[in-house]
Protein backbone atom coordinates (compact mmCIF):
# COMPACT_ATOMS: atom_id res chain seq x y z
CA MET A 1 28.38 -46.68 113.55
CA ASN A 2 29.69 -44.10 116.03
CA SER A 3 30.40 -46.85 118.56
CA THR A 4 32.30 -48.79 115.89
CA ILE A 5 34.48 -45.77 115.17
CA ILE A 6 35.18 -45.26 118.87
CA ILE A 7 36.11 -48.93 119.32
CA GLY A 8 38.44 -48.78 116.30
CA VAL A 9 40.15 -45.65 117.61
CA LEU A 10 40.61 -47.24 121.03
CA LEU A 11 42.07 -50.42 119.49
CA LEU A 12 44.56 -48.44 117.42
CA LEU A 13 45.55 -46.37 120.45
CA VAL A 14 46.09 -49.52 122.51
CA ALA A 15 48.21 -51.05 119.72
CA GLY A 16 50.34 -47.91 119.48
CA VAL A 17 50.82 -47.71 123.27
CA ILE A 18 51.83 -51.39 123.41
CA ALA A 19 54.34 -50.95 120.58
CA ILE A 20 55.89 -47.87 122.22
CA TYR A 21 55.99 -49.66 125.59
CA LEU A 22 57.78 -52.65 124.10
CA VAL A 23 60.34 -50.44 122.38
CA ARG A 24 61.02 -48.33 125.45
CA ARG A 25 60.94 -51.10 128.08
CA GLN A 26 62.59 -53.94 126.24
CA PRO A 27 65.44 -55.12 128.50
CA SER A 28 68.84 -56.00 127.18
CA GLU A 29 70.16 -59.55 127.05
CA GLU A 30 72.55 -58.79 129.91
CA ASP A 31 69.63 -57.75 132.15
CA LEU A 32 67.71 -60.95 131.38
CA ILE A 33 70.77 -63.10 132.08
CA ARG A 34 71.42 -61.24 135.33
CA GLU A 35 67.81 -61.73 136.45
CA ARG A 36 67.91 -65.44 135.68
CA ILE A 37 71.20 -65.89 137.54
CA ALA A 38 69.79 -64.04 140.56
CA GLU A 39 66.64 -66.18 140.53
CA PHE A 40 68.73 -69.34 140.19
CA GLY A 41 70.84 -68.32 143.19
CA GLU A 42 67.82 -67.61 145.40
CA ARG A 43 66.26 -71.05 144.88
CA GLU A 44 67.40 -73.97 146.96
CA GLN A 45 66.77 -76.43 144.15
CA PRO A 46 67.69 -75.74 140.53
CA ALA A 47 64.75 -74.49 138.46
CA THR A 48 64.00 -75.89 135.06
CA LEU A 49 64.15 -73.75 131.96
CA GLU A 50 60.38 -73.99 131.61
CA GLU A 51 59.83 -72.67 135.15
CA ILE A 52 62.20 -69.78 134.51
CA GLU A 53 60.39 -68.90 131.26
CA LEU A 54 56.98 -69.04 132.97
CA SER A 55 58.21 -66.73 135.73
CA LEU A 56 58.78 -63.94 133.22
CA PRO A 57 56.06 -61.30 132.82
CA PHE A 58 53.50 -61.53 130.03
CA THR A 59 55.18 -58.87 127.93
CA GLN A 60 58.49 -60.76 127.94
CA ARG A 61 56.93 -64.15 127.24
CA ILE A 62 54.39 -63.22 124.56
CA LEU A 63 54.57 -59.67 123.26
CA VAL A 64 58.32 -59.21 122.97
CA PRO A 65 58.87 -62.48 121.00
CA VAL A 66 56.05 -61.51 118.62
CA PHE A 67 57.60 -58.07 118.19
CA GLN A 68 61.03 -59.62 117.58
CA ARG A 69 59.70 -62.07 115.00
CA ALA A 70 57.90 -59.28 113.18
CA GLY A 71 61.13 -57.27 113.27
CA GLY A 72 63.03 -60.23 111.85
CA LEU A 73 60.54 -60.45 108.99
CA VAL A 74 61.01 -56.74 108.27
CA ALA A 75 64.80 -57.20 108.38
CA ARG A 76 64.64 -59.98 105.78
CA LEU A 77 62.59 -57.79 103.45
CA MET A 78 64.85 -54.74 103.78
CA PRO A 79 68.08 -54.27 101.78
CA ALA A 80 71.36 -54.80 103.59
CA ASN A 81 72.47 -51.19 103.09
CA VAL A 82 69.29 -49.91 104.80
CA LEU A 83 69.90 -52.17 107.80
CA GLU A 84 73.54 -51.10 108.01
CA SER A 85 72.64 -47.42 107.78
CA THR A 86 69.99 -47.85 110.48
CA ARG A 87 72.43 -49.73 112.70
CA HIS A 88 74.99 -46.93 112.35
CA LYS A 89 72.41 -44.26 113.23
CA LEU A 90 71.32 -46.23 116.30
CA GLU A 91 74.94 -46.54 117.39
CA VAL A 92 75.46 -42.80 116.99
CA ALA A 93 72.31 -42.19 119.04
CA GLY A 94 73.56 -44.49 121.81
CA ARG A 95 71.19 -47.41 121.13
CA PRO A 96 68.10 -45.81 122.75
CA GLY A 97 65.80 -48.43 124.25
CA ASN A 98 68.23 -51.20 123.17
CA LEU A 99 66.76 -50.98 119.69
CA ASP A 100 68.21 -53.02 116.88
CA PRO A 101 67.73 -52.08 113.20
CA ALA A 102 64.87 -54.57 112.69
CA ALA A 103 62.93 -53.29 115.72
CA PHE A 104 63.41 -49.67 114.68
CA LEU A 105 62.19 -50.33 111.14
CA LEU A 106 59.18 -52.20 112.54
CA THR A 107 58.48 -49.20 114.78
CA ARG A 108 58.34 -46.99 111.70
CA PHE A 109 55.75 -49.23 110.06
CA VAL A 110 53.70 -49.49 113.27
CA SER A 111 53.74 -45.72 113.70
CA ALA A 112 52.64 -45.21 110.09
CA VAL A 113 49.76 -47.70 110.43
CA VAL A 114 48.58 -46.28 113.75
CA LEU A 115 48.58 -42.62 112.69
CA GLY A 116 47.19 -43.37 109.24
CA GLY A 117 44.48 -45.65 110.66
CA LEU A 118 43.43 -43.15 113.30
CA THR A 119 43.19 -40.35 110.74
CA PHE A 120 41.21 -42.56 108.35
CA ILE A 121 38.74 -43.53 111.07
CA LEU A 122 38.28 -39.92 112.17
CA PHE A 123 37.62 -38.70 108.61
CA PHE A 124 35.60 -41.75 107.50
CA ARG A 125 32.31 -40.51 108.95
CA ALA A 126 33.11 -36.83 108.52
CA SER A 127 30.58 -34.62 106.80
CA GLY A 128 30.60 -31.13 105.39
CA ARG A 129 33.91 -29.46 104.70
CA ALA A 130 35.89 -32.09 106.60
CA ALA A 131 34.70 -34.74 104.12
CA GLN A 132 36.67 -33.01 101.37
CA PHE A 133 39.92 -33.95 103.10
CA ARG A 134 38.95 -37.60 103.60
CA PHE A 135 41.45 -38.84 101.03
CA LEU A 136 44.12 -36.21 101.73
CA PHE A 137 44.93 -36.36 105.44
CA PRO A 138 45.20 -40.17 105.96
CA PRO A 139 48.06 -40.56 103.42
CA LEU A 140 49.78 -37.48 104.82
CA MET A 141 49.50 -38.77 108.39
CA THR A 142 50.69 -42.20 107.27
CA ALA A 143 53.80 -40.65 105.72
CA PHE A 144 54.31 -38.50 108.82
CA GLY A 145 54.01 -41.57 111.06
CA PHE A 146 56.53 -43.42 108.92
CA PHE A 147 59.12 -40.65 109.21
CA LEU A 148 58.36 -39.68 112.83
CA PRO A 149 60.73 -42.29 114.38
CA THR A 150 63.45 -41.15 111.99
CA ILE A 151 62.97 -37.53 113.11
CA TRP A 152 63.12 -38.65 116.75
CA LEU A 153 66.28 -40.68 116.08
CA GLY A 154 67.91 -37.72 114.32
CA SER A 155 67.24 -35.49 117.34
CA ARG A 156 68.77 -38.11 119.64
CA MET A 157 71.84 -38.34 117.40
CA ARG A 158 72.37 -34.58 117.38
CA ALA A 159 71.87 -34.28 121.14
CA ARG A 160 74.37 -37.05 121.86
CA GLN A 161 76.94 -35.65 119.43
CA ASP A 162 76.61 -32.20 121.00
CA ALA A 163 77.13 -33.72 124.46
CA ILE A 164 80.26 -35.52 123.23
CA ILE A 165 81.65 -32.32 121.68
CA ARG A 166 81.05 -30.38 124.90
CA ALA A 167 82.72 -33.04 127.06
CA LEU A 168 85.70 -33.68 124.79
CA PRO A 169 88.03 -30.77 125.85
CA ASP A 170 87.67 -31.49 129.58
CA SER A 171 88.15 -35.22 129.00
CA LEU A 172 91.29 -34.59 126.98
CA ASP A 173 92.64 -32.35 129.76
CA LEU A 174 92.16 -35.12 132.30
CA LEU A 175 93.61 -37.66 129.88
CA THR A 176 96.68 -35.46 129.36
CA ILE A 177 97.21 -34.93 133.09
CA CYS A 178 96.94 -38.65 133.81
CA VAL A 179 99.37 -39.60 131.04
CA GLU A 180 101.85 -36.90 132.09
CA ALA A 181 101.60 -38.20 135.66
CA GLY A 182 102.80 -41.62 134.52
CA LEU A 183 99.60 -43.58 133.91
CA GLY A 184 99.15 -45.64 130.80
CA PHE A 185 96.69 -44.58 128.14
CA ASP A 186 94.23 -47.35 129.04
CA MET A 187 94.30 -46.47 132.75
CA ALA A 188 93.84 -42.80 131.88
CA MET A 189 90.67 -43.68 129.98
CA ASN A 190 89.49 -45.57 133.07
CA ARG A 191 89.92 -42.37 135.09
CA ILE A 192 87.58 -40.58 132.69
CA VAL A 193 85.02 -43.36 133.09
CA GLU A 194 85.25 -43.11 136.89
CA LYS A 195 85.02 -39.31 137.02
CA TRP A 196 82.22 -38.53 134.56
CA ASP A 197 78.94 -40.05 133.49
CA ASP A 198 78.25 -38.73 130.00
CA PRO A 199 78.10 -40.15 126.45
CA LEU A 200 81.84 -39.64 125.91
CA ALA A 201 82.66 -41.53 129.12
CA GLU A 202 80.36 -44.33 127.95
CA GLU A 203 82.30 -44.54 124.69
CA PHE A 204 85.61 -44.64 126.54
CA GLU A 205 84.23 -47.38 128.78
CA ARG A 206 83.17 -49.43 125.78
CA CYS A 207 86.57 -48.86 124.18
CA VAL A 208 88.35 -50.10 127.32
CA ARG A 209 86.04 -53.09 127.49
CA ASP A 210 86.77 -53.96 123.86
CA MET A 211 90.50 -53.78 124.50
CA GLY A 212 90.05 -56.01 127.53
CA LEU A 213 88.35 -58.57 125.30
CA GLY A 214 91.39 -58.71 123.03
CA LYS A 215 90.75 -56.03 120.43
CA LEU A 216 93.72 -53.92 119.41
CA ARG A 217 93.83 -50.37 120.71
CA ARG A 218 93.76 -48.78 117.27
CA GLU A 219 90.77 -50.90 116.23
CA ALA A 220 88.87 -50.09 119.43
CA LEU A 221 89.57 -46.37 119.02
CA ARG A 222 88.53 -46.40 115.36
CA ASP A 223 85.31 -48.20 116.27
CA MET A 224 84.67 -45.48 118.88
CA ALA A 225 85.19 -42.77 116.24
CA SER A 226 82.79 -44.59 113.91
CA ARG A 227 80.14 -44.94 116.65
CA THR A 228 80.24 -41.27 117.62
CA ASP A 229 80.53 -39.87 114.07
CA VAL A 230 82.02 -36.64 115.46
CA PRO A 231 84.87 -35.01 113.46
CA GLU A 232 86.70 -33.93 116.64
CA VAL A 233 86.72 -37.49 117.98
CA SER A 234 87.94 -38.80 114.61
CA THR A 235 90.80 -36.27 114.66
CA PHE A 236 91.74 -37.26 118.20
CA VAL A 237 91.68 -40.98 117.37
CA ALA A 238 93.78 -40.46 114.23
CA ALA A 239 96.39 -38.52 116.22
CA VAL A 240 96.58 -41.16 118.98
CA VAL A 241 96.82 -44.05 116.53
CA GLN A 242 99.54 -42.27 114.54
CA ALA A 243 101.47 -41.44 117.71
CA SER A 244 101.38 -45.04 118.90
CA GLN A 245 102.54 -46.31 115.50
CA LEU A 246 105.38 -43.80 115.12
CA GLY A 247 106.53 -43.93 118.74
CA VAL A 248 105.82 -40.24 119.44
CA SER A 249 105.32 -39.13 123.04
CA MET A 250 101.67 -39.69 123.90
CA ALA A 251 101.62 -36.90 126.49
CA LYS A 252 102.82 -34.34 123.94
CA VAL A 253 100.22 -35.45 121.37
CA LEU A 254 97.43 -35.31 123.96
CA ARG A 255 98.52 -31.83 125.04
CA ILE A 256 98.37 -30.58 121.46
CA GLN A 257 94.96 -32.20 120.93
CA SER A 258 93.65 -30.68 124.16
CA ASP A 259 94.73 -27.19 123.10
CA GLN A 260 93.17 -27.64 119.67
CA MET A 261 89.87 -28.85 121.16
CA ARG A 262 89.67 -25.84 123.46
CA LEU A 263 90.39 -23.55 120.50
CA ARG A 264 87.62 -25.21 118.50
CA ARG A 265 85.19 -24.88 121.42
CA ARG A 266 85.92 -21.16 121.61
CA GLN A 267 85.44 -20.84 117.85
CA ARG A 268 82.09 -22.65 118.03
CA ALA A 269 80.97 -20.31 120.82
CA GLU A 270 81.93 -17.27 118.74
CA GLU A 271 80.14 -18.71 115.71
CA LYS A 272 76.94 -19.24 117.70
CA ALA A 273 77.23 -15.73 119.13
CA HIS A 274 77.39 -14.30 115.59
CA GLN A 275 74.37 -16.42 114.55
CA ALA A 276 72.24 -15.20 117.46
CA PRO A 277 71.11 -11.86 115.90
CA VAL A 278 70.04 -13.61 112.69
CA LYS A 279 68.09 -16.25 114.63
CA MET A 280 66.42 -13.57 116.75
CA LEU A 281 65.22 -11.69 113.68
CA ILE A 282 62.34 -14.06 112.85
CA PRO A 283 60.70 -14.13 116.31
CA MET A 284 61.18 -10.38 116.62
CA ALA A 285 59.59 -9.68 113.24
CA PHE A 286 56.63 -12.03 113.58
CA LEU A 287 56.02 -12.23 117.35
CA ILE A 288 57.58 -9.44 119.40
CA ILE A 289 57.08 -6.42 117.10
CA PRO A 290 53.40 -7.22 116.22
CA ALA A 291 52.62 -7.73 119.92
CA LEU A 292 54.36 -4.43 120.72
CA PHE A 293 52.32 -2.60 118.07
CA ILE A 294 49.11 -4.12 119.46
CA VAL A 295 49.95 -3.01 122.99
CA LEU A 296 50.96 0.52 121.95
CA LEU A 297 48.46 1.25 119.18
CA GLY A 298 45.55 -0.94 120.30
CA PRO A 299 44.00 1.55 122.76
CA ALA A 300 44.35 4.40 120.27
CA VAL A 301 42.60 2.36 117.56
CA ILE A 302 39.76 1.52 119.95
CA LEU A 303 39.31 5.19 120.90
CA ILE A 304 39.26 6.22 117.23
CA ILE A 305 36.62 3.60 116.42
CA LYS A 306 34.44 4.64 119.38
CA SER A 307 34.70 8.34 118.49
CA GLY A 308 33.13 7.73 115.10
CA VAL A 309 35.83 9.48 113.17
CA ILE A 310 36.21 6.56 110.74
CA GLY A 311 32.48 6.55 110.00
CA ARG A 312 32.51 10.18 108.87
CA PHE A 313 34.82 9.31 105.98
């Protein structure tokens, strides 16, 4: 029976590792097309579609299609509002691992099954006090596994939004300088893309690419504000769109926005500085002060115990 438990644990671990590997290593459609074009150019004679498919690794030929079909089944079972909300969160997080809503929802179910199954197997043959928690920990770990990808996605969203907020004042300064120097707004955004490599530059690059494909500037900028979900970016986009519609000088609007963003960055720094003493209170009360008392009073307590003074009372 012990060997059966070990085999079950190993199988669940392998399934979880494969699922995580597929999510993290799944290439985008552009990468697959680029690889096929490169392979087609290297061959002297044109390859058939079957030969190209067979040249792909096992994960791309077998495992990824199975994962995609399972994700499609999950997408059909989920409400449309859940898929749309998941898609928006993935966009805000920068599409980590090229995940789509169906694949992310499938990852949640896989994580719940793996963690819940492992916990159930570990507590199935438990004896003594551990047996009392046999029916408590597996449901808790299943729920934790189901919400673990959501927690990870939330952390990615916050990290990316913080990076965009930090990069926004400097980007607006460069944008203002370029526009005042005579460049157009689209070319100024290209300068930001060339100079920096951060989430905000990626959003500007996507915005420029959308405009190159025929989308209106105001629509591309509003889509960028929706993807980032940052109030400062939304304010900047609203000001630029209004300036272009009313015929106001773009350089003057960008200068005002740049000054406002720097003022907001200074206000955020002051706010975090005022929050620092409150945040330091908990580690000081529960970690630093008890350790300090142990270091200072520990030797005295040991000497008192060894002297036998406590025993006399």
